[in-house]
Amino acid sequence: MTTNPGETASLSGKSKLTVSSKQENGIVILKFEGDLVGQTMEVARQNFADAVEAMNGVAPRFIIDLEACEFMDSSGLGFFLGCLKKIREAQGDLKLANINAYMIGIFRLINLHYIIDCHETLEKAIASFQAS
């Protein structure tokens, strides 16, 4: 299945993901709506790659807003680690915002919250960039 950035991925109507992006004070904010699972990885990866490319060599500062992300499987964890690696190689940073209790439980179980900076709200994630 091929999708364009910002479009929805769906296989058999089960899992969907929509990604929207905006910039605020030099910070790229990707908002995920739906499920971050193997079936929707193409949409997530393509939108992330497009956003990194649009930075034109500037150290990327990214926030992934998960307020409307309902479910994540191990593919989602791998996606976050891949994003973090790519961003840090470009001397940037990644933060996550609005993580639901289910996801933060998984992050804590595997200590991922020590590797990726997680914030309760989008505003706190933005403020953390401004403080550093």
Protein backbone atom coordinates (compact mmCIF):
# COMPACT_ATOMS: atom_id res chain seq x y z
CA MET A 1 0.00 0.00 0.00
CA THR A 2 1.35 3.45 -0.79
CA THR A 3 0.21 6.63 0.85
CA ASN A 4 1.14 10.26 0.60
CA PRO A 5 2.39 12.20 3.63
CA GLY A 6 -0.47 13.23 5.85
CA GLU A 7 -2.80 10.59 4.45
CA THR A 8 -4.32 7.71 6.33
CA ALA A 9 -3.15 4.12 6.12
CA SER A 10 -5.68 1.36 6.56
CA LEU A 11 -5.61 -2.35 5.94
CA SER A 12 -8.98 -4.08 6.12
CA GLY A 13 -10.28 -1.09 8.06
CA LYS A 14 -8.48 -2.24 11.23
CA SER A 15 -5.59 0.17 11.83
CA LYS A 16 -5.36 3.77 10.71
CA LEU A 17 -2.84 6.53 11.20
CA THR A 18 -3.02 10.14 10.15
CA VAL A 19 -0.02 12.41 10.58
CA SER A 20 -0.13 16.19 10.46
CA SER A 21 2.82 18.51 10.91
CA LYS A 22 3.50 22.11 11.80
CA GLN A 23 6.45 24.22 12.90
CA GLU A 24 6.50 26.35 16.00
CA ASN A 25 9.58 28.39 16.97
CA GLY A 26 11.83 26.16 14.86
CA ILE A 27 10.40 22.98 16.36
CA VAL A 28 8.74 20.44 14.07
CA ILE A 29 5.61 19.00 15.67
CA LEU A 30 4.22 15.79 14.20
CA LYS A 31 0.74 14.92 15.47
CA PHE A 32 -0.18 11.24 15.21
CA GLU A 33 -3.84 10.22 15.18
CA GLY A 34 -4.76 6.54 15.26
CA ASP A 35 -2.66 3.41 15.73
CA LEU A 36 1.13 3.25 15.53
CA VAL A 37 1.49 -0.37 14.42
CA GLY A 38 3.21 -2.38 11.69
CA GLN A 39 0.35 -1.73 9.26
CA THR A 40 0.75 2.03 9.60
CA MET A 41 4.55 2.31 9.76
CA GLU A 42 4.87 3.42 6.14
CA VAL A 43 2.82 6.54 6.85
CA ALA A 44 4.77 7.32 10.03
CA ARG A 45 8.18 6.79 8.45
CA GLN A 46 7.37 8.76 5.29
CA ASN A 47 6.03 11.75 7.21
CA PHE A 48 9.05 11.71 9.51
CA ALA A 49 11.49 11.44 6.59
CA ASP A 50 9.77 14.30 4.76
CA ALA A 51 9.93 16.50 7.86
CA VAL A 52 13.64 15.78 8.39
CA GLU A 53 14.37 16.53 4.75
CA ALA A 54 12.50 19.84 5.00
CA MET A 55 14.90 20.94 7.76
CA ASN A 56 17.58 21.48 5.06
CA GLY A 57 20.56 20.62 7.23
CA VAL A 58 19.42 22.55 10.32
CA ALA A 59 19.77 20.58 13.56
CA PRO A 60 16.28 19.07 13.83
CA ARG A 61 14.17 19.63 16.90
CA PHE A 62 11.14 17.34 16.83
CA ILE A 63 8.14 16.69 19.02
CA ILE A 64 5.82 13.80 18.28
CA ASP A 65 2.42 14.57 19.78
CA LEU A 66 0.67 11.33 20.71
CA GLU A 67 -2.49 12.78 22.24
CA ALA A 68 -4.69 11.12 19.59
CA CYS A 69 -2.57 7.98 19.19
CA GLU A 70 -4.70 5.20 20.54
CA PHE A 71 -2.48 2.11 20.35
CA MET A 72 1.14 1.19 19.71
CA ASP A 73 2.88 -2.15 19.19
CA SER A 74 6.58 -3.05 19.09
CA SER A 75 6.84 -1.48 15.62
CA GLY A 76 6.04 1.86 17.23
CA LEU A 77 8.84 1.44 19.76
CA GLY A 78 11.26 0.67 16.94
CA PHE A 79 9.99 3.70 15.04
CA PHE A 80 10.73 6.03 17.97
CA LEU A 81 14.25 4.63 18.39
CA GLY A 82 14.92 4.98 14.65
CA CYS A 83 13.70 8.59 14.73
CA LEU A 84 15.85 9.38 17.74
CA LYS A 85 18.94 7.88 16.10
CA LYS A 86 18.45 9.84 12.88
CA ILE A 87 17.77 13.11 14.70
CA ARG A 88 20.73 12.77 17.05
CA GLU A 89 23.03 11.95 14.14
CA ALA A 90 22.00 15.37 12.78
CA GLN A 91 22.80 16.98 16.17
CA GLY A 92 19.11 17.43 17.00
CA ASP A 93 16.71 16.09 19.59
CA LEU A 94 13.34 14.33 19.84
CA LYS A 95 10.68 14.67 22.51
CA LEU A 96 7.33 12.95 22.89
CA ALA A 97 4.21 14.67 24.19
CA ASN A 98 0.78 13.57 25.46
CA ILE A 99 1.63 9.91 25.93
CA ASN A 100 -1.31 7.89 27.24
CA ALA A 101 -1.05 5.65 30.32
CA TYR A 102 -0.77 2.47 28.23
CA MET A 103 2.19 3.79 26.24
CA ILE A 104 4.02 5.32 29.19
CA GLY A 105 3.65 1.97 30.95
CA ILE A 106 5.44 0.27 28.06
CA PHE A 107 8.11 2.99 27.99
CA ARG A 108 8.73 2.51 31.72
CA LEU A 109 8.77 -1.28 31.43
CA ILE A 110 11.68 -1.14 28.98
CA ASN A 111 13.21 2.10 30.39
CA LEU A 112 12.67 3.94 27.11
CA HIS A 113 11.59 7.05 29.02
CA TYR A 114 15.25 7.44 30.06
CA ILE A 115 16.32 7.54 26.41
CA ILE A 116 13.52 9.61 24.86
CA ASP A 117 12.36 12.72 26.67
CA CYS A 118 8.62 12.32 27.42
CA HIS A 119 6.30 15.14 28.47
CA GLU A 120 2.74 15.23 29.78
CA THR A 121 1.69 18.02 27.42
CA LEU A 122 2.76 19.57 24.14
CA GLU A 123 3.32 22.87 25.92
CA LYS A 124 5.79 21.25 28.36
CA ALA A 125 7.66 19.60 25.50
CA ILE A 126 7.97 22.93 23.67
CA ALA A 127 9.10 24.66 26.88
CA SER A 128 11.77 21.99 27.43
CA PHE A 129 13.34 22.91 24.06
CA GLN A 130 13.27 26.58 24.95
CA ALA A 131 14.92 25.90 28.33
CA SER A 132 17.85 24.04 26.77
